[in-house]
Amino acid sequence: MLLALDTATAFASVALYDGREVRAELNWRSERRHTVELAPQVDNLMQLAGVSPAHLHAVAVAIGPGSYTGTRIALSFAKGIVLALDIPLIGIPTLDVLAYPMLPASKPVCALVAAGRKRYCWAVYAANRPLPERVTPFGLHHFPEIMSQVQSPAMWVGELQPIDKEALIAEWQDGVHILPPALAVRRGAVLAELAWQRLLAGNVDDPVSLSPIYLG
């Protein structure tokens, strides 16, 4: 059983995955309450799935880019679990989690998360790939700068503000595909599935040295 934790932005998600199916998942808008909400939500998650810490074989955590404080909260919590239980830890970039469900599409995917000061953390991912493959480095920019660096057509997914959606539609017109809100949130189950593939390959992280991805 793998536990996945994501508190990289105001939206948080936790999930349990056993390699065959999602056993349980909780998603909620935490804003800045990650510190007080994460542990109780993990406890709720495990009760829903009927499992205990003894059933865990690995922990996955979203390592950013995202909120400086939010990302650290899940990572610290994850490190505490894996060190106590002596199980593997796997860190997955936040934007990979957003992009992964969209990769069968024929268009490149631009994934974004809000970064404060009206900026976004973002990256573009190649189309028609089984796993996330970035074709740009992680960026931290205001939206007009992002539009100038992304080629049309593309699929956009993530925490895009309404005013930026309007600007994108006005400039790109038929070349833009913006995912609706229900498909634009990061899910702990997606994080878990990405991490499970790395777990099977033996590609795990050192819990002592694993660090968040910070931009700017």
C-alpha atoms as a PDB file:
ATOM      1  CA  MET A   1       0.000   0.000   0.000  1.00  0.00           C
ATOM      2  CA  LEU A   2       1.307   3.421  -0.981  1.00  0.00           C
ATOM      3  CA  LEU A   3       0.272   6.656   0.736  1.00  0.00           C
ATOM      4  CA  ALA A   4       0.399   9.814  -1.416  1.00  0.00           C
ATOM      5  CA  LEU A   5       0.548  13.332   0.063  1.00  0.00           C
ATOM      6  CA  ASP A   6       0.196  16.658  -1.751  1.00  0.00           C
ATOM      7  CA  THR A   7       0.019  20.029   0.012  1.00  0.00           C
ATOM      8  CA  ALA A   8       2.018  21.970  -2.571  1.00  0.00           C
ATOM      9  CA  THR A   9      -0.606  24.703  -3.023  1.00  0.00           C
ATOM     10  CA  ALA A  10      -3.869  25.837  -1.413  1.00  0.00           C
ATOM     11  CA  PHE A  11      -5.460  22.684  -2.861  1.00  0.00           C
ATOM     12  CA  ALA A  12      -4.489  19.501  -1.010  1.00  0.00           C
ATOM     13  CA  SER A  13      -4.960  15.811  -1.725  1.00  0.00           C
ATOM     14  CA  VAL A  14      -4.109  12.480  -0.102  1.00  0.00           C
ATOM     15  CA  ALA A  15      -4.655   8.983  -1.446  1.00  0.00           C
ATOM     16  CA  LEU A  16      -4.019   5.275  -0.851  1.00  0.00           C
ATOM     17  CA  TYR A  17      -3.074   3.055  -3.785  1.00  0.00           C
ATOM     18  CA  ASP A  18      -2.284  -0.655  -3.834  1.00  0.00           C
ATOM     19  CA  GLY A  19      -0.952  -1.036  -7.379  1.00  0.00           C
ATOM     20  CA  ARG A  20      -4.268  -2.302  -8.723  1.00  0.00           C
ATOM     21  CA  GLU A  21      -6.735   0.342  -7.640  1.00  0.00           C
ATOM     22  CA  VAL A  22      -7.220   3.536  -5.652  1.00  0.00           C
ATOM     23  CA  ARG A  23      -8.329   2.430  -2.208  1.00  0.00           C
ATOM     24  CA  ALA A  24      -9.290   5.905  -0.976  1.00  0.00           C
ATOM     25  CA  GLU A  25      -8.742   9.557  -1.856  1.00  0.00           C
ATOM     26  CA  LEU A  26      -9.518  12.890  -0.175  1.00  0.00           C
ATOM     27  CA  ASN A  27      -9.283  16.254  -1.950  1.00  0.00           C
ATOM     28  CA  TRP A  28      -9.970  19.608  -0.366  1.00  0.00           C
ATOM     29  CA  ARG A  29      -9.133  23.310  -0.468  1.00  0.00           C
ATOM     30  CA  SER A  30      -6.883  23.748   2.538  1.00  0.00           C
ATOM     31  CA  GLU A  31      -5.746  27.328   1.852  1.00  0.00           C
ATOM     32  CA  ARG A  32      -3.072  27.813   4.571  1.00  0.00           C
ATOM     33  CA  ARG A  33      -4.356  25.206   7.020  1.00  0.00           C
ATOM     34  CA  HIS A  34      -2.114  22.344   5.881  1.00  0.00           C
ATOM     35  CA  THR A  35      -0.307  22.089   9.212  1.00  0.00           C
ATOM     36  CA  VAL A  36      -3.456  21.392  11.194  1.00  0.00           C
ATOM     37  CA  GLU A  37      -5.389  19.496   8.527  1.00  0.00           C
ATOM     38  CA  LEU A  38      -2.926  17.062   6.978  1.00  0.00           C
ATOM     39  CA  ALA A  39      -2.534  14.546   9.820  1.00  0.00           C
ATOM     40  CA  PRO A  40      -6.292  14.338  10.591  1.00  0.00           C
ATOM     41  CA  GLN A  41      -7.097  13.897   6.898  1.00  0.00           C
ATOM     42  CA  VAL A  42      -4.548  11.098   6.557  1.00  0.00           C
ATOM     43  CA  ASP A  43      -6.126   9.431   9.580  1.00  0.00           C
ATOM     44  CA  ASN A  44      -9.583   9.806   7.972  1.00  0.00           C
ATOM     45  CA  LEU A  45      -8.231   8.386   4.714  1.00  0.00           C
ATOM     46  CA  MET A  46      -6.817   5.298   6.387  1.00  0.00           C
ATOM     47  CA  GLN A  47     -10.037   4.710   8.325  1.00  0.00           C
ATOM     48  CA  LEU A  48     -12.032   4.922   5.092  1.00  0.00           C
ATOM     49  CA  ALA A  49      -9.776   2.316   3.497  1.00  0.00           C
ATOM     50  CA  GLY A  50      -9.650   0.140   6.606  1.00  0.00           C
ATOM     51  CA  VAL A  51      -5.863   0.124   6.786  1.00  0.00           C
ATOM     52  CA  SER A  52      -3.282   0.916   9.450  1.00  0.00           C
ATOM     53  CA  PRO A  53       0.283   2.287   9.228  1.00  0.00           C
ATOM     54  CA  ALA A  54       1.510  -1.319   9.295  1.00  0.00           C
ATOM     55  CA  HIS A  55      -0.036  -1.824   5.832  1.00  0.00           C
ATOM     56  CA  LEU A  56       2.054   0.938   4.237  1.00  0.00           C
ATOM     57  CA  HIS A  57       4.915  -0.098   1.953  1.00  0.00           C
ATOM     58  CA  ALA A  58       5.887   3.356   0.633  1.00  0.00           C
ATOM     59  CA  VAL A  59       5.013   7.052   0.785  1.00  0.00           C
ATOM     60  CA  ALA A  60       4.875   9.457  -2.160  1.00  0.00           C
ATOM     61  CA  VAL A  61       4.955  13.221  -1.818  1.00  0.00           C
ATOM     62  CA  ALA A  62       4.551  16.165  -4.197  1.00  0.00           C
ATOM     63  CA  ILE A  63       7.831  18.101  -3.975  1.00  0.00           C
ATOM     64  CA  GLY A  64       6.894  21.250  -5.882  1.00  0.00           C
ATOM     65  CA  PRO A  65       7.218  23.634  -7.447  1.00  0.00           C
ATOM     66  CA  GLY A  66       4.511  25.299  -5.413  1.00  0.00           C
ATOM     67  CA  SER A  67       4.046  27.055  -2.103  1.00  0.00           C
ATOM     68  CA  TYR A  68       7.257  27.248  -0.063  1.00  0.00           C
ATOM     69  CA  THR A  69       5.502  26.413   3.194  1.00  0.00           C
ATOM     70  CA  GLY A  70       2.873  24.048   1.808  1.00  0.00           C
ATOM     71  CA  THR A  71       5.382  21.862   0.006  1.00  0.00           C
ATOM     72  CA  ARG A  72       7.552  21.566   3.111  1.00  0.00           C
ATOM     73  CA  ILE A  73       4.607  20.447   5.276  1.00  0.00           C
ATOM     74  CA  ALA A  74       3.808  17.312   3.257  1.00  0.00           C
ATOM     75  CA  LEU A  75       7.496  16.516   2.746  1.00  0.00           C
ATOM     76  CA  SER A  76       8.275  16.762   6.461  1.00  0.00           C
ATOM     77  CA  PHE A  77       5.238  14.637   7.296  1.00  0.00           C
ATOM     78  CA  ALA A  78       6.232  12.040   4.690  1.00  0.00           C
ATOM     79  CA  LYS A  79       9.799  11.877   5.968  1.00  0.00           C
ATOM     80  CA  GLY A  80       8.558  11.268   9.493  1.00  0.00           C
ATOM     81  CA  ILE A  81       6.436   8.335   8.338  1.00  0.00           C
ATOM     82  CA  VAL A  82       9.082   6.616   6.222  1.00  0.00           C
ATOM     83  CA  LEU A  83      11.783   6.971   8.858  1.00  0.00           C
ATOM     84  CA  ALA A  84       9.476   5.600  11.554  1.00  0.00           C
ATOM     85  CA  LEU A  85       8.299   2.655   9.430  1.00  0.00           C
ATOM     86  CA  ASP A  86      11.558   2.132   7.488  1.00  0.00           C
ATOM     87  CA  ILE A  87       9.798   2.229   4.108  1.00  0.00           C
ATOM     88  CA  PRO A  88      10.703   3.973   0.797  1.00  0.00           C
ATOM     89  CA  LEU A  89       9.994   7.616  -0.016  1.00  0.00           C
ATOM     90  CA  ILE A  90       9.307   8.847  -3.551  1.00  0.00           C
ATOM     91  CA  GLY A  91       9.177  12.530  -4.505  1.00  0.00           C
ATOM     92  CA  ILE A  92       7.200  13.557  -7.586  1.00  0.00           C
ATOM     93  CA  PRO A  93       7.190  17.063  -9.131  1.00  0.00           C
ATOM     94  CA  THR A  94       3.856  18.810  -8.657  1.00  0.00           C
ATOM     95  CA  LEU A  95       3.443  19.728 -12.314  1.00  0.00           C
ATOM     96  CA  ASP A  96       4.048  16.121 -13.391  1.00  0.00           C
ATOM     97  CA  VAL A  97       0.937  15.185 -11.397  1.00  0.00           C
ATOM     98  CA  LEU A  98      -1.157  17.724 -13.314  1.00  0.00           C
ATOM     99  CA  ALA A  99       0.174  16.734 -16.709  1.00  0.00           C
ATOM    100  CA  TYR A 100       0.115  12.939 -16.430  1.00  0.00           C
ATOM    101  CA  PRO A 101      -3.643  12.299 -16.991  1.00  0.00           C
ATOM    102  CA  MET A 102      -3.590  14.496 -20.122  1.00  0.00           C
ATOM    103  CA  LEU A 103      -0.587  12.987 -21.906  1.00  0.00           C
ATOM    104  CA  PRO A 104      -2.500  10.711 -24.324  1.00  0.00           C
ATOM    105  CA  ALA A 105      -3.634  13.941 -26.017  1.00  0.00           C
ATOM    106  CA  SER A 106      -2.133  14.918 -29.355  1.00  0.00           C
ATOM    107  CA  LYS A 107      -1.259  18.435 -28.133  1.00  0.00           C
ATOM    108  CA  PRO A 108       1.514  19.487 -25.756  1.00  0.00           C
ATOM    109  CA  VAL A 109       0.316  20.146 -22.205  1.00  0.00           C
ATOM    110  CA  CYS A 110       1.097  23.318 -20.261  1.00  0.00           C
ATOM    111  CA  ALA A 111       0.645  22.650 -16.537  1.00  0.00           C
ATOM    112  CA  LEU A 112       0.414  25.507 -14.043  1.00  0.00           C
ATOM    113  CA  VAL A 113       0.034  26.086 -10.311  1.00  0.00           C
ATOM    114  CA  ALA A 114      -0.506  29.438  -8.606  1.00  0.00           C
ATOM    115  CA  ALA A 115       2.636  30.887  -7.043  1.00  0.00           C
ATOM    116  CA  GLY A 116       1.503  34.176  -5.511  1.00  0.00           C
ATOM    117  CA  ARG A 117       2.020  37.758  -6.727  1.00  0.00           C
ATOM    118  CA  LYS A 118      -0.131  36.830  -9.747  1.00  0.00           C
ATOM    119  CA  ARG A 119       2.565  34.441 -10.980  1.00  0.00           C
ATOM    120  CA  TYR A 120       2.505  30.762 -11.923  1.00  0.00           C
ATOM    121  CA  CYS A 121       4.918  27.865 -11.686  1.00  0.00           C
ATOM    122  CA  TRP A 122       4.656  26.124 -15.050  1.00  0.00           C
ATOM    123  CA  ALA A 123       6.152  23.703 -17.557  1.00  0.00           C
ATOM    124  CA  VAL A 124       5.232  22.272 -20.948  1.00  0.00           C
ATOM    125  CA  TYR A 125       5.032  18.505 -21.466  1.00  0.00           C
ATOM    126  CA  ALA A 126       5.355  16.533 -24.694  1.00  0.00           C
ATOM    127  CA  ALA A 127       2.210  15.018 -26.217  1.00  0.00           C
ATOM    128  CA  ASN A 128       1.643  11.297 -26.783  1.00  0.00           C
ATOM    129  CA  ARG A 129       3.922  10.104 -24.003  1.00  0.00           C
ATOM    130  CA  PRO A 130       3.233   7.339 -21.456  1.00  0.00           C
ATOM    131  CA  LEU A 131       4.921   9.351 -18.677  1.00  0.00           C
ATOM    132  CA  PRO A 132       5.476  13.075 -18.117  1.00  0.00           C
ATOM    133  CA  GLU A 133       8.305  14.389 -20.296  1.00  0.00           C
ATOM    134  CA  ARG A 134       9.059  18.085 -19.869  1.00  0.00           C
ATOM    135  CA  VAL A 135      10.069  20.010 -22.985  1.00  0.00           C
ATOM    136  CA  THR A 136      10.699  23.227 -21.030  1.00  0.00           C
ATOM    137  CA  PRO A 137      12.343  23.754 -17.654  1.00  0.00           C
ATOM    138  CA  PHE A 138      10.171  24.665 -14.689  1.00  0.00           C
ATOM    139  CA  GLY A 139       9.319  28.367 -14.903  1.00  0.00           C
ATOM    140  CA  LEU A 140       8.032  31.081 -12.594  1.00  0.00           C
ATOM    141  CA  HIS A 141       6.396  33.932 -14.514  1.00  0.00           C
ATOM    142  CA  HIS A 142       3.391  36.177 -14.909  1.00  0.00           C
ATOM    143  CA  PHE A 143       0.895  34.862 -17.424  1.00  0.00           C
ATOM    144  CA  PRO A 144       1.747  37.133 -20.389  1.00  0.00           C
ATOM    145  CA  GLU A 145       5.347  35.877 -20.179  1.00  0.00           C
ATOM    146  CA  ILE A 146       4.130  32.266 -20.186  1.00  0.00           C
ATOM    147  CA  MET A 147       1.930  32.834 -23.237  1.00  0.00           C
ATOM    148  CA  SER A 148       4.924  34.255 -25.091  1.00  0.00           C
ATOM    149  CA  GLN A 149       6.927  31.069 -24.436  1.00  0.00           C
ATOM    150  CA  VAL A 150       4.273  28.427 -25.224  1.00  0.00           C
ATOM    151  CA  GLN A 151       3.467  27.562 -28.821  1.00  0.00           C
ATOM    152  CA  SER A 152      -0.085  27.098 -30.093  1.00  0.00           C
ATOM    153  CA  PRO A 153      -1.849  24.703 -30.146  1.00  0.00           C
ATOM    154  CA  ALA A 154      -1.579  23.403 -26.595  1.00  0.00           C
ATOM    155  CA  MET A 155      -3.682  22.046 -23.766  1.00  0.00           C
ATOM    156  CA  TRP A 156      -3.688  24.075 -20.521  1.00  0.00           C
ATOM    157  CA  VAL A 157      -4.315  22.474 -17.141  1.00  0.00           C
ATOM    158  CA  GLY A 158      -4.095  23.748 -13.581  1.00  0.00           C
ATOM    159  CA  GLU A 159      -4.834  26.772 -11.440  1.00  0.00           C
ATOM    160  CA  LEU A 160      -5.498  29.296 -14.196  1.00  0.00           C
ATOM    161  CA  GLN A 161      -7.277  32.486 -13.077  1.00  0.00           C
ATOM    162  CA  PRO A 162     -10.399  33.618 -15.008  1.00  0.00           C
ATOM    163  CA  ILE A 163      -8.749  36.820 -16.260  1.00  0.00           C
ATOM    164  CA  ASP A 164      -5.841  34.805 -17.656  1.00  0.00           C
ATOM    165  CA  LYS A 165      -8.201  32.309 -19.278  1.00  0.00           C
ATOM    166  CA  GLU A 166      -9.916  35.189 -21.047  1.00  0.00           C
ATOM    167  CA  ALA A 167      -6.605  36.606 -22.253  1.00  0.00           C
ATOM    168  CA  LEU A 168      -5.520  33.190 -23.527  1.00  0.00           C
ATOM    169  CA  ILE A 169      -8.766  32.571 -25.414  1.00  0.00           C
ATOM    170  CA  ALA A 170      -8.658  36.061 -26.943  1.00  0.00           C
ATOM    171  CA  GLU A 171      -5.086  35.625 -28.214  1.00  0.00           C
ATOM    172  CA  TRP A 172      -5.052  31.958 -29.209  1.00  0.00           C
ATOM    173  CA  GLN A 173      -8.705  31.482 -30.243  1.00  0.00           C
ATOM    174  CA  ASP A 174      -8.954  28.027 -31.879  1.00  0.00           C
ATOM    175  CA  GLY A 175      -5.479  26.995 -30.750  1.00  0.00           C
ATOM    176  CA  VAL A 176      -6.331  26.791 -27.070  1.00  0.00           C
ATOM    177  CA  HIS A 177      -7.814  23.925 -25.064  1.00  0.00           C
ATOM    178  CA  ILE A 178      -8.345  24.774 -21.370  1.00  0.00           C
ATOM    179  CA  LEU A 179      -9.297  21.898 -19.102  1.00  0.00           C
ATOM    180  CA  PRO A 180     -12.466  22.445 -16.997  1.00  0.00           C
ATOM    181  CA  PRO A 181     -12.141  22.760 -13.186  1.00  0.00           C
ATOM    182  CA  ALA A 182     -13.005  19.119 -12.452  1.00  0.00           C
ATOM    183  CA  LEU A 183     -10.112  17.958 -14.634  1.00  0.00           C
ATOM    184  CA  ALA A 184      -7.707  20.720 -13.639  1.00  0.00           C
ATOM    185  CA  VAL A 185      -7.064  19.743 -10.012  1.00  0.00           C
ATOM    186  CA  ARG A 186      -4.134  17.693  -8.780  1.00  0.00           C
ATOM    187  CA  ARG A 187      -5.215  14.332  -7.414  1.00  0.00           C
ATOM    188  CA  GLY A 188      -3.407  12.263  -4.844  1.00  0.00           C
ATOM    189  CA  ALA A 189      -4.344   9.138  -6.790  1.00  0.00           C
ATOM    190  CA  VAL A 190      -2.405  10.399  -9.825  1.00  0.00           C
ATOM    191  CA  LEU A 191       0.595  11.166  -7.629  1.00  0.00           C
ATOM    192  CA  ALA A 192       0.322   7.651  -6.199  1.00  0.00           C
ATOM    193  CA  GLU A 193       0.206   5.986  -9.601  1.00  0.00           C
ATOM    194  CA  LEU A 194       3.277   7.862 -10.826  1.00  0.00           C
ATOM    195  CA  ALA A 195       5.131   6.969  -7.641  1.00  0.00           C
ATOM    196  CA  TRP A 196       4.083   3.317  -7.842  1.00  0.00           C
ATOM    197  CA  GLN A 197       5.778   2.965 -11.212  1.00  0.00           C
ATOM    198  CA  ARG A 198       8.986   4.304  -9.727  1.00  0.00           C
ATOM    199  CA  LEU A 199       8.627   2.011  -6.720  1.00  0.00           C
ATOM    200  CA  LEU A 200       8.396  -1.044  -8.976  1.00  0.00           C
ATOM    201  CA  ALA A 201      11.535   0.104 -10.782  1.00  0.00           C
ATOM    202  CA  GLY A 202      13.383   0.556  -7.488  1.00  0.00           C
ATOM    203  CA  ASN A 203      13.778   4.268  -8.186  1.00  0.00           C
ATOM    204  CA  VAL A 204      13.226   5.723  -4.728  1.00  0.00           C
ATOM    205  CA  ASP A 205      14.606   8.782  -2.945  1.00  0.00           C
ATOM    206  CA  ASP A 206      16.834   9.297   0.056  1.00  0.00           C
ATOM    207  CA  PRO A 207      14.516  10.614   2.784  1.00  0.00           C
ATOM    208  CA  VAL A 208      17.360  12.590   4.340  1.00  0.00           C
ATOM    209  CA  SER A 209      18.422  14.463   1.212  1.00  0.00           C
ATOM    210  CA  LEU A 210      15.112  14.781  -0.697  1.00  0.00           C
ATOM    211  CA  SER A 211      14.315  18.495  -0.968  1.00  0.00           C
ATOM    212  CA  PRO A 212      11.436  20.550  -2.381  1.00  0.00           C
ATOM    213  CA  ILE A 213      11.668  22.199  -5.789  1.00  0.00           C
ATOM    214  CA  TYR A 214      11.647  25.953  -5.239  1.00  0.00           C
ATOM    215  CA  LEU A 215      11.597  28.581  -7.977  1.00  0.00           C
ATOM    216  CA  GLY A 216      12.545  32.239  -7.716  1.00  0.00           C
END
